[in-house]
PDB file of all heavy atoms in Angstrom:
ATOM      1  N   ARG A   1       0.900   6.652  13.510  1.00  0.00           N
ATOM      2  CA  ARG A   1      -0.582   6.523  13.512  1.00  0.00           C
ATOM      3  C   ARG A   1      -0.988   5.137  13.004  1.00  0.00           C
ATOM      4  O   ARG A   1      -1.310   4.827  11.766  1.00  0.00           O
ATOM      5  CB  ARG A   1      -1.233   7.545  12.651  1.00  0.00           C
ATOM      6  CG  ARG A   1      -1.481   8.913  13.154  1.00  0.00           C
ATOM      7  CD  ARG A   1      -2.724   9.019  14.072  1.00  0.00           C
ATOM      8  NE  ARG A   1      -3.840   8.426  13.629  1.00  0.00           N
ATOM      9  CZ  ARG A   1      -4.778   9.107  12.919  1.00  0.00           C
ATOM     10  NH1 ARG A   1      -4.605  10.377  12.616  1.00  0.00           N
ATOM     11  NH2 ARG A   1      -5.907   8.553  12.526  1.00  0.00           N
ATOM     12  N   PRO A   2      -0.969   4.099  13.906  1.00  0.00           N
ATOM     13  CA  PRO A   2      -1.268   2.716  13.433  1.00  0.00           C
ATOM     14  C   PRO A   2      -2.745   2.632  12.853  1.00  0.00           C
ATOM     15  O   PRO A   2      -2.947   1.700  12.165  1.00  0.00           O
ATOM     16  CB  PRO A   2      -1.192   2.081  14.824  1.00  0.00           C
ATOM     17  CG  PRO A   2      -0.329   2.777  15.656  1.00  0.00           C
ATOM     18  CD  PRO A   2      -0.528   4.214  15.275  1.00  0.00           C
ATOM     19  N   ASP A   3      -3.599   3.581  13.216  1.00  0.00           N
ATOM     20  CA  ASP A   3      -4.979   3.386  12.841  1.00  0.00           C
ATOM     21  C   ASP A   3      -5.366   4.109  11.504  1.00  0.00           C
ATOM     22  O   ASP A   3      -6.417   4.027  10.973  1.00  0.00           O
ATOM     23  CB  ASP A   3      -5.854   3.946  13.891  1.00  0.00           C
ATOM     24  CG  ASP A   3      -5.749   5.401  14.197  1.00  0.00           C
ATOM     25  OD1 ASP A   3      -4.423   5.909  13.986  1.00  0.00           O
ATOM     26  OD2 ASP A   3      -6.556   5.940  14.587  1.00  0.00           O
ATOM     27  N   ILE A   4      -4.473   5.012  10.834  1.00  0.00           N
ATOM     28  CA  ILE A   4      -4.799   5.755   9.790  1.00  0.00           C
ATOM     29  C   ILE A   4      -4.656   4.927   8.494  1.00  0.00           C
ATOM     30  O   ILE A   4      -3.875   3.969   8.375  1.00  0.00           O
ATOM     31  CB  ILE A   4      -3.783   6.975   9.737  1.00  0.00           C
ATOM     32  CG1 ILE A   4      -4.457   8.020   8.752  1.00  0.00           C
ATOM     33  CG2 ILE A   4      -2.449   6.562   9.196  1.00  0.00           C
ATOM     34  CD1 ILE A   4      -3.715   9.422   8.975  1.00  0.00           C
ATOM     35  N   ASP A   5      -5.519   5.355   7.480  1.00  0.00           N
ATOM     36  CA  ASP A   5      -5.301   4.765   6.123  1.00  0.00           C
ATOM     37  C   ASP A   5      -4.113   5.268   5.458  1.00  0.00           C
ATOM     38  O   ASP A   5      -3.860   6.592   5.391  1.00  0.00           O
ATOM     39  CB  ASP A   5      -6.556   5.110   5.290  1.00  0.00           C
ATOM     40  CG  ASP A   5      -7.918   4.110   5.639  1.00  0.00           C
ATOM     41  OD1 ASP A   5      -7.516   2.967   6.127  1.00  0.00           O
ATOM     42  OD2 ASP A   5      -8.891   4.537   5.343  1.00  0.00           O
ATOM     43  N   ILE A   6      -3.306   4.489   4.918  1.00  0.00           N
ATOM     44  CA  ILE A   6      -2.202   4.883   4.098  1.00  0.00           C
ATOM     45  C   ILE A   6      -2.372   4.318   2.739  1.00  0.00           C
ATOM     46  O   ILE A   6      -2.375   3.078   2.538  1.00  0.00           O
ATOM     47  CB  ILE A   6      -0.860   4.318   4.745  1.00  0.00           C
ATOM     48  CG1 ILE A   6      -0.719   4.864   6.115  1.00  0.00           C
ATOM     49  CG2 ILE A   6       0.299   4.966   3.817  1.00  0.00           C
ATOM     50  CD1 ILE A   6       0.532   4.329   6.858  1.00  0.00           C
ATOM     51  N   GLU A   7      -2.389   5.216   1.811  1.00  0.00           N
ATOM     52  CA  GLU A   7      -2.632   4.831   0.285  1.00  0.00           C
ATOM     53  C   GLU A   7      -1.313   5.060  -0.436  1.00  0.00           C
ATOM     54  O   GLU A   7      -0.532   5.814  -0.113  1.00  0.00           O
ATOM     55  CB  GLU A   7      -3.718   5.920  -0.225  1.00  0.00           C
ATOM     56  CG  GLU A   7      -4.141   5.534  -1.569  1.00  0.00           C
ATOM     57  CD  GLU A   7      -5.395   6.434  -1.961  1.00  0.00           C
ATOM     58  OE1 GLU A   7      -5.197   7.688  -1.753  1.00  0.00           O
ATOM     59  OE2 GLU A   7      -6.262   5.943  -2.457  1.00  0.00           O
ATOM     60  N   VAL A   8      -1.268   4.055  -1.428  1.00  0.00           N
ATOM     61  CA  VAL A   8      -0.163   4.224  -2.410  1.00  0.00           C
ATOM     62  C   VAL A   8      -0.801   4.385  -3.786  1.00  0.00           C
ATOM     63  O   VAL A   8      -1.750   3.842  -4.083  1.00  0.00           O
ATOM     64  CB  VAL A   8       0.845   3.092  -2.291  1.00  0.00           C
ATOM     65  CG1 VAL A   8       1.686   3.191  -0.955  1.00  0.00           C
ATOM     66  CG2 VAL A   8       0.110   1.731  -2.370  1.00  0.00           C
ATOM     67  N   ASP A   9      -0.097   5.175  -4.540  1.00  0.00           N
ATOM     68  CA  ASP A   9      -0.666   5.492  -5.933  1.00  0.00           C
ATOM     69  C   ASP A   9       0.544   5.468  -6.909  1.00  0.00           C
ATOM     70  O   ASP A   9       1.456   6.296  -6.755  1.00  0.00           O
ATOM     71  CB  ASP A   9      -1.404   6.810  -5.880  1.00  0.00           C
ATOM     72  CG  ASP A   9      -1.904   7.136  -7.223  1.00  0.00           C
ATOM     73  OD1 ASP A   9      -1.741   6.469  -8.183  1.00  0.00           O
ATOM     74  OD2 ASP A   9      -2.517   8.331  -7.274  1.00  0.00           O
ATOM     75  N   GLY A  10       0.436   4.527  -7.867  1.00  0.00           N
ATOM     76  CA  GLY A  10       1.541   4.544  -8.950  1.00  0.00           C
ATOM     77  C   GLY A  10       2.203   3.291  -9.087  1.00  0.00           C
ATOM     78  O   GLY A  10       2.859   2.840  -8.258  1.00  0.00           O
ATOM     79  N   GLY A  11       2.125   2.586 -10.152  1.00  0.00           N
ATOM     80  CA  GLY A  11       2.727   1.409 -10.421  1.00  0.00           C
ATOM     81  C   GLY A  11       2.342   0.283  -9.550  1.00  0.00           C
ATOM     82  O   GLY A  11       3.149  -0.751  -9.518  1.00  0.00           O
ATOM     83  N   VAL A  12       1.197   0.185  -9.118  1.00  0.00           N
ATOM     84  CA  VAL A  12       0.652  -0.924  -8.170  1.00  0.00           C
ATOM     85  C   VAL A  12       0.124  -1.939  -9.010  1.00  0.00           C
ATOM     86  O   VAL A  12      -0.728  -1.780  -9.978  1.00  0.00           O
ATOM     87  CB  VAL A  12      -0.468  -0.290  -7.277  1.00  0.00           C
ATOM     88  CG1 VAL A  12      -1.117  -1.522  -6.505  1.00  0.00           C
ATOM     89  CG2 VAL A  12       0.014   0.746  -6.312  1.00  0.00           C
ATOM     90  N   ASP A  13       0.629  -3.166  -8.849  1.00  0.00           N
ATOM     91  CA  ASP A  13       0.257  -4.322  -9.586  1.00  0.00           C
ATOM     92  C   ASP A  13       0.231  -5.436  -8.674  1.00  0.00           C
ATOM     93  O   ASP A  13       0.412  -5.381  -7.447  1.00  0.00           O
ATOM     94  CB  ASP A  13       1.204  -4.585 -10.995  1.00  0.00           C
ATOM     95  CG  ASP A  13       2.601  -4.736 -10.501  1.00  0.00           C
ATOM     96  OD1 ASP A  13       2.963  -5.168  -9.287  1.00  0.00           O
ATOM     97  OD2 ASP A  13       3.480  -4.443 -11.444  1.00  0.00           O
ATOM     98  N   TYR A  14       0.101  -6.742  -9.234  1.00  0.00           N
ATOM     99  CA  TYR A  14       0.039  -7.903  -8.378  1.00  0.00           C
ATOM    100  C   TYR A  14       1.225  -8.097  -7.435  1.00  0.00           C
ATOM    101  O   TYR A  14       1.210  -8.651  -6.449  1.00  0.00           O
ATOM    102  CB  TYR A  14      -0.220  -9.041  -9.191  1.00  0.00           C
ATOM    103  CG  TYR A  14      -1.605  -9.177  -9.937  1.00  0.00           C
ATOM    104  CD1 TYR A  14      -1.626  -9.904 -11.226  1.00  0.00           C
ATOM    105  CD2 TYR A  14      -2.563  -8.417  -9.570  1.00  0.00           C
ATOM    106  CE1 TYR A  14      -2.932  -9.961 -11.872  1.00  0.00           C
ATOM    107  CE2 TYR A  14      -3.836  -8.457 -10.289  1.00  0.00           C
ATOM    108  CZ  TYR A  14      -3.858  -9.104 -11.374  1.00  0.00           C
ATOM    109  OH  TYR A  14      -5.053  -9.234 -12.138  1.00  0.00           O
ATOM    110  N   SER A  15       2.442  -7.634  -7.931  1.00  0.00           N
ATOM    111  CA  SER A  15       3.706  -7.908  -7.297  1.00  0.00           C
ATOM    112  C   SER A  15       3.980  -6.662  -6.250  1.00  0.00           C
ATOM    113  O   SER A  15       4.272  -6.874  -5.160  1.00  0.00           O
ATOM    114  CB  SER A  15       4.873  -7.935  -8.248  1.00  0.00           C
ATOM    115  OG  SER A  15       6.049  -8.025  -7.609  1.00  0.00           O
ATOM    116  N   THR A  16       3.851  -5.386  -6.814  1.00  0.00           N
ATOM    117  CA  THR A  16       4.330  -4.232  -6.009  1.00  0.00           C
ATOM    118  C   THR A  16       3.249  -4.055  -4.906  1.00  0.00           C
ATOM    119  O   THR A  16       3.591  -3.417  -3.794  1.00  0.00           O
ATOM    120  CB  THR A  16       4.409  -3.026  -6.787  1.00  0.00           C
ATOM    121  OG1 THR A  16       3.143  -2.798  -7.601  1.00  0.00           O
ATOM    122  CG2 THR A  16       5.606  -3.169  -7.836  1.00  0.00           C
ATOM    123  N   VAL A  17       2.004  -4.558  -5.065  1.00  0.00           N
ATOM    124  CA  VAL A  17       1.007  -4.306  -3.979  1.00  0.00           C
ATOM    125  C   VAL A  17       1.531  -5.016  -2.719  1.00  0.00           C
ATOM    126  O   VAL A  17       1.258  -4.513  -1.439  1.00  0.00           O
ATOM    127  CB  VAL A  17      -0.341  -4.882  -4.398  1.00  0.00           C
ATOM    128  CG1 VAL A  17      -0.397  -6.393  -4.543  1.00  0.00           C
ATOM    129  CG2 VAL A  17      -1.446  -4.364  -3.423  1.00  0.00           C
ATOM    130  N   THR A  18       2.276  -6.104  -2.838  1.00  0.00           N
ATOM    131  CA  THR A  18       2.726  -6.760  -1.577  1.00  0.00           C
ATOM    132  C   THR A  18       3.882  -5.941  -0.974  1.00  0.00           C
ATOM    133  O   THR A  18       3.913  -6.020   0.293  1.00  0.00           O
ATOM    134  CB  THR A  18       3.232  -8.186  -1.920  1.00  0.00           C
ATOM    135  OG1 THR A  18       4.218  -8.075  -2.797  1.00  0.00           O
ATOM    136  CG2 THR A  18       2.187  -9.026  -2.525  1.00  0.00           C
ATOM    137  N   LEU A  19       4.776  -5.304  -1.748  1.00  0.00           N
ATOM    138  CA  LEU A  19       5.805  -4.558  -1.232  1.00  0.00           C
ATOM    139  C   LEU A  19       5.170  -3.314  -0.336  1.00  0.00           C
ATOM    140  O   LEU A  19       5.594  -3.085   0.738  1.00  0.00           O
ATOM    141  CB  LEU A  19       6.624  -3.925  -2.287  1.00  0.00           C
ATOM    142  CG  LEU A  19       7.400  -4.809  -3.137  1.00  0.00           C
ATOM    143  CD1 LEU A  19       7.986  -4.172  -4.319  1.00  0.00           C
ATOM    144  CD2 LEU A  19       8.386  -5.794  -2.390  1.00  0.00           C
ATOM    145  N   ALA A  20       4.211  -2.640  -0.908  1.00  0.00           N
ATOM    146  CA  ALA A  20       3.526  -1.528  -0.287  1.00  0.00           C
ATOM    147  C   ALA A  20       2.828  -1.968   1.060  1.00  0.00           C
ATOM    148  O   ALA A  20       2.869  -1.465   2.104  1.00  0.00           O
ATOM    149  CB  ALA A  20       2.587  -0.890  -1.207  1.00  0.00           C
ATOM    150  N   ALA A  21       2.206  -3.273   0.985  1.00  0.00           N
ATOM    151  CA  ALA A  21       1.421  -3.801   2.100  1.00  0.00           C
ATOM    152  C   ALA A  21       2.422  -4.129   3.221  1.00  0.00           C
ATOM    153  O   ALA A  21       2.220  -3.954   4.377  1.00  0.00           O
ATOM    154  CB  ALA A  21       0.624  -5.047   1.797  1.00  0.00           C
ATOM    155  N   GLU A  22       3.562  -4.755   2.777  1.00  0.00           N
ATOM    156  CA  GLU A  22       4.460  -5.019   3.863  1.00  0.00           C
ATOM    157  C   GLU A  22       5.079  -3.853   4.578  1.00  0.00           C
ATOM    158  O   GLU A  22       5.384  -3.879   5.888  1.00  0.00           O
ATOM    159  CB  GLU A  22       5.681  -5.849   3.154  1.00  0.00           C
ATOM    160  CG  GLU A  22       5.346  -7.283   2.774  1.00  0.00           C
ATOM    161  CD  GLU A  22       6.536  -7.957   2.055  1.00  0.00           C
ATOM    162  OE1 GLU A  22       7.226  -7.240   1.420  1.00  0.00           O
ATOM    163  OE2 GLU A  22       6.735  -9.090   2.186  1.00  0.00           O
ATOM    164  N   ALA A  23       5.207  -2.718   3.964  1.00  0.00           N
ATOM    165  CA  ALA A  23       5.631  -1.521   4.423  1.00  0.00           C
ATOM    166  C   ALA A  23       4.527  -0.897   5.357  1.00  0.00           C
ATOM    167  O   ALA A  23       4.939   0.051   6.236  1.00  0.00           O
ATOM    168  CB  ALA A  23       6.031  -0.473   3.421  1.00  0.00           C
ATOM    169  N   GLY A  24       3.266  -1.307   5.320  1.00  0.00           N
ATOM    170  CA  GLY A  24       2.284  -0.683   6.163  1.00  0.00           C
ATOM    171  C   GLY A  24       1.156   0.036   5.355  1.00  0.00           C
ATOM    172  O   GLY A  24       0.170   0.451   5.985  1.00  0.00           O
ATOM    173  N   ALA A  25       1.076   0.045   4.039  1.00  0.00           N
ATOM    174  CA  ALA A  25       0.003   0.584   3.227  1.00  0.00           C
ATOM    175  C   ALA A  25      -1.204  -0.297   3.387  1.00  0.00           C
ATOM    176  O   ALA A  25      -0.976  -1.534   3.364  1.00  0.00           O
ATOM    177  CB  ALA A  25       0.357   0.869   1.936  1.00  0.00           C
ATOM    178  N   ASN A  26      -2.329   0.215   3.317  1.00  0.00           N
ATOM    179  CA  ASN A  26      -3.627  -0.548   3.239  1.00  0.00           C
ATOM    180  C   ASN A  26      -4.595  -0.138   2.191  1.00  0.00           C
ATOM    181  O   ASN A  26      -5.604  -0.834   2.132  1.00  0.00           O
ATOM    182  CB  ASN A  26      -4.249  -0.631   4.666  1.00  0.00           C
ATOM    183  CG  ASN A  26      -4.877   0.660   5.022  1.00  0.00           C
ATOM    184  OD1 ASN A  26      -4.138   1.692   5.107  1.00  0.00           O
ATOM    185  ND2 ASN A  26      -6.139   0.707   5.326  1.00  0.00           N
ATOM    186  N   VAL A  27      -4.397   0.909   1.570  1.00  0.00           N
ATOM    187  CA  VAL A  27      -5.144   1.499   0.422  1.00  0.00           C
ATOM    188  C   VAL A  27      -4.347   1.513  -0.713  1.00  0.00           C
ATOM    189  O   VAL A  27      -3.288   2.210  -0.822  1.00  0.00           O
ATOM    190  CB  VAL A  27      -5.797   2.799   0.847  1.00  0.00           C
ATOM    191  CG1 VAL A  27      -6.661   3.289  -0.271  1.00  0.00           C
ATOM    192  CG2 VAL A  27      -6.515   2.883   2.189  1.00  0.00           C
ATOM    193  N   PHE A  28      -4.863   0.716  -1.884  1.00  0.00           N
ATOM    194  CA  PHE A  28      -4.035   0.673  -3.054  1.00  0.00           C
ATOM    195  C   PHE A  28      -4.774   1.188  -4.242  1.00  0.00           C
ATOM    196  O   PHE A  28      -5.829   0.745  -4.589  1.00  0.00           O
ATOM    197  CB  PHE A  28      -3.753  -0.859  -3.193  1.00  0.00           C
ATOM    198  CG  PHE A  28      -3.133  -1.341  -2.023  1.00  0.00           C
ATOM    199  CD1 PHE A  28      -3.868  -2.079  -0.999  1.00  0.00           C
ATOM    200  CD2 PHE A  28      -1.686  -1.222  -1.819  1.00  0.00           C
ATOM    201  CE1 PHE A  28      -3.234  -2.575   0.043  1.00  0.00           C
ATOM    202  CE2 PHE A  28      -1.117  -1.675  -0.679  1.00  0.00           C
ATOM    203  CZ  PHE A  28      -1.796  -2.424   0.324  1.00  0.00           C
ATOM    204  N   VAL A  29      -4.148   2.180  -4.987  1.00  0.00           N
ATOM    205  CA  VAL A  29      -4.721   2.729  -6.236  1.00  0.00           C
ATOM    206  C   VAL A  29      -4.137   2.020  -7.302  1.00  0.00           C
ATOM    207  O   VAL A  29      -2.838   1.876  -7.390  1.00  0.00           O
ATOM    208  CB  VAL A  29      -4.403   4.240  -6.390  1.00  0.00           C
ATOM    209  CG1 VAL A  29      -4.861   4.800  -7.645  1.00  0.00           C
ATOM    210  CG2 VAL A  29      -4.932   4.983  -5.196  1.00  0.00           C
TER     211      VAL A  29
END
């Protein structure tokens, strides 16, 4: 689903946000 929001929650900081974004996440808790 290329158009769906994918959220990550837990341990998100200035560094890990890039790891999640590279994987395809676009909503960051």
